C-alpha atoms as a PDB file:
ATOM      1  CA  UNK A   1      -0.017  -0.054  -0.013  1.00  0.00           C
ATOM      2  CA  UNK A   2       1.426   3.367  -1.060  1.00  0.00           C
ATOM      3  CA  UNK A   3       1.508   6.248   1.458  1.00  0.00           C
ATOM      4  CA  UNK A   4      -1.049   8.988   0.662  1.00  0.00           C
ATOM      5  CA  UNK A   5       0.444  11.556  -1.683  1.00  0.00           C
ATOM      6  CA  UNK A   6       3.350   9.338  -2.780  1.00  0.00           C
ATOM      7  CA  UNK A   7       1.592   7.760  -5.734  1.00  0.00           C
ATOM      8  CA  UNK A   8       3.287   9.781  -8.484  1.00  0.00           C
ATOM      9  CA  UNK A   9       6.748   9.250  -7.059  1.00  0.00           C
ATOM     10  CA  UNK A  10       6.045   5.572  -6.679  1.00  0.00           C
ATOM     11  CA  UNK A  11       4.948   5.400 -10.338  1.00  0.00           C
ATOM     12  CA  UNK A  12       8.142   7.198 -11.327  1.00  0.00           C
ATOM     13  CA  UNK A  13      10.392   4.839  -9.324  1.00  0.00           C
ATOM     14  CA  UNK A  14       8.659   1.600 -10.521  1.00  0.00           C
ATOM     15  CA  UNK A  15       7.545   2.733 -13.966  1.00  0.00           C
ATOM     16  CA  UNK A  16       9.075   1.911 -17.412  1.00  0.00           C
ATOM     17  CA  UNK A  17      11.948   4.408 -16.984  1.00  0.00           C
ATOM     18  CA  UNK A  18      12.186   4.292 -13.173  1.00  0.00           C
ATOM     19  CA  UNK A  19      15.116   3.397 -11.001  1.00  0.00           C
ATOM     20  CA  UNK A  20      14.153  -0.265 -10.675  1.00  0.00           C
ATOM     21  CA  UNK A  21      13.815  -0.792 -14.435  1.00  0.00           C
ATOM     22  CA  UNK A  22      17.063   0.998 -15.134  1.00  0.00           C
ATOM     23  CA  UNK A  23      18.822  -1.231 -12.633  1.00  0.00           C
ATOM     24  CA  UNK A  24      17.192  -4.451 -13.914  1.00  0.00           C
ATOM     25  CA  UNK A  25      18.196  -3.631 -17.475  1.00  0.00           C
ATOM     26  CA  UNK A  26      21.780  -4.460 -16.506  1.00  0.00           C
ATOM     27  CA  UNK A  27      20.738  -8.062 -15.814  1.00  0.00           C
ATOM     28  CA  UNK A  28      21.075 -10.838 -18.346  1.00  0.00           C
ATOM     29  CA  UNK A  29      17.695 -12.317 -18.999  1.00  0.00           C
ATOM     30  CA  UNK A  30      15.613  -9.313 -17.883  1.00  0.00           C
ATOM     31  CA  UNK A  31      12.489  -9.073 -20.067  1.00  0.00           C
ATOM     32  CA  UNK A  32      10.670  -6.123 -18.570  1.00  0.00           C
ATOM     33  CA  UNK A  33       8.448  -4.756 -15.766  1.00  0.00           C
ATOM     34  CA  UNK A  34       4.722  -4.080 -15.657  1.00  0.00           C
ATOM     35  CA  UNK A  35       3.351  -1.662 -13.096  1.00  0.00           C
ATOM     36  CA  UNK A  36      -0.342  -2.069 -12.388  1.00  0.00           C
ATOM     37  CA  UNK A  37      -2.738  -0.241 -10.041  1.00  0.00           C
ATOM     38  CA  UNK A  38      -5.925  -1.516  -8.385  1.00  0.00           C
ATOM     39  CA  UNK A  39      -9.046  -0.163  -9.941  1.00  0.00           C
ATOM     40  CA  UNK A  40     -10.840   0.040  -6.590  1.00  0.00           C
ATOM     41  CA  UNK A  41      -7.925   1.359  -4.445  1.00  0.00           C
ATOM     42  CA  UNK A  42      -5.606   3.852  -6.117  1.00  0.00           C
ATOM     43  CA  UNK A  43      -2.979   3.307  -3.439  1.00  0.00           C
ATOM     44  CA  UNK A  44      -2.555  -0.442  -4.162  1.00  0.00           C
ATOM     45  CA  UNK A  45      -0.133  -1.408  -6.872  1.00  0.00           C
ATOM     46  CA  UNK A  46       1.343  -4.659  -8.211  1.00  0.00           C
ATOM     47  CA  UNK A  47       4.687  -4.770  -9.993  1.00  0.00           C
ATOM     48  CA  UNK A  48       5.496  -7.672 -12.247  1.00  0.00           C
ATOM     49  CA  UNK A  49       9.142  -8.215 -13.108  1.00  0.00           C
ATOM     50  CA  UNK A  50       9.792 -10.668 -15.947  1.00  0.00           C
ATOM     51  CA  UNK A  51      13.005 -12.652 -16.361  1.00  0.00           C
ATOM     52  CA  UNK A  52      13.984 -15.386 -18.785  1.00  0.00           C
ATOM     53  CA  UNK A  53      14.592 -17.714 -15.816  1.00  0.00           C
ATOM     54  CA  UNK A  54      14.732 -17.729 -12.039  1.00  0.00           C
ATOM     55  CA  UNK A  55      18.516 -18.387 -12.335  1.00  0.00           C
ATOM     56  CA  UNK A  56      18.918 -15.117 -14.296  1.00  0.00           C
ATOM     57  CA  UNK A  57      17.085 -13.208 -11.595  1.00  0.00           C
ATOM     58  CA  UNK A  58      19.009 -14.785  -8.708  1.00  0.00           C
ATOM     59  CA  UNK A  59      22.353 -14.101 -10.481  1.00  0.00           C
ATOM     60  CA  UNK A  60      21.343 -10.548 -10.998  1.00  0.00           C
ATOM     61  CA  UNK A  61      20.424 -10.166  -7.260  1.00  0.00           C
ATOM     62  CA  UNK A  62      23.782 -11.660  -6.298  1.00  0.00           C
ATOM     63  CA  UNK A  63      25.782  -9.397  -8.611  1.00  0.00           C
ATOM     64  CA  UNK A  64      23.852  -6.186  -7.829  1.00  0.00           C
ATOM     65  CA  UNK A  65      22.930  -6.640  -4.199  1.00  0.00           C
ATOM     66  CA  UNK A  66      24.297  -3.240  -3.069  1.00  0.00           C
ATOM     67  CA  UNK A  67      22.453  -1.276  -5.763  1.00  0.00           C
ATOM     68  CA  UNK A  68      19.263  -3.297  -5.193  1.00  0.00           C
ATOM     69  CA  UNK A  69      19.391  -2.632  -1.434  1.00  0.00           C
ATOM     70  CA  UNK A  70      20.016   1.087  -1.937  1.00  0.00           C
ATOM     71  CA  UNK A  71      16.959   1.534  -4.161  1.00  0.00           C
ATOM     72  CA  UNK A  72      14.872  -0.722  -1.914  1.00  0.00           C
ATOM     73  CA  UNK A  73      15.782   1.463   1.120  1.00  0.00           C
ATOM     74  CA  UNK A  74      14.930   4.656  -0.747  1.00  0.00           C
ATOM     75  CA  UNK A  75      11.513   3.286  -1.778  1.00  0.00           C
ATOM     76  CA  UNK A  76      10.594   2.195   1.771  1.00  0.00           C
ATOM     77  CA  UNK A  77       9.482   5.797   2.473  1.00  0.00           C
ATOM     78  CA  UNK A  78       6.894   5.414  -0.313  1.00  0.00           C
ATOM     79  CA  UNK A  79       4.969   2.486   1.104  1.00  0.00           C
ATOM     80  CA  UNK A  80       2.966   1.601   4.235  1.00  0.00           C
ATOM     81  CA  UNK A  81       2.976  -2.063   3.455  1.00  0.00           C
ATOM     82  CA  UNK A  82       4.787  -4.288   0.914  1.00  0.00           C
ATOM     83  CA  UNK A  83       4.470  -8.051   0.338  1.00  0.00           C
ATOM     84  CA  UNK A  84       5.787 -10.428  -2.162  1.00  0.00           C
ATOM     85  CA  UNK A  85       3.000 -12.358  -3.785  1.00  0.00           C
ATOM     86  CA  UNK A  86       5.278 -15.067  -5.073  1.00  0.00           C
ATOM     87  CA  UNK A  87       7.407 -16.328  -7.954  1.00  0.00           C
ATOM     88  CA  UNK A  88       5.350 -17.095 -10.986  1.00  0.00           C
ATOM     89  CA  UNK A  89       5.987 -18.692 -14.358  1.00  0.00           C
ATOM     90  CA  UNK A  90       4.445 -17.389 -17.559  1.00  0.00           C
ATOM     91  CA  UNK A  91       2.822 -20.409 -19.232  1.00  0.00           C
ATOM     92  CA  UNK A  92       2.452 -18.725 -22.581  1.00  0.00           C
ATOM     93  CA  UNK A  93       2.512 -15.272 -24.148  1.00  0.00           C
END
């Protein structure tokens, strides 16, 4: 859940040209990020990060841990609550 008044900044950080996407673009196997917002609650978002494989994602996290943690820490001020839904596999495009 995004803090009231932080929606625009959140969208900038997590959007197609945001800090997260710019960082992920350095990772082999990164396919893109989709930012979605709940139709009934404008402060609830879901980000979907797509990777060729879980191994690509895990390698990226290992190689870029410091940068990842720095952005994550900066973004903590934007949210009241954050939770990981899970790791999903795209069955077909």
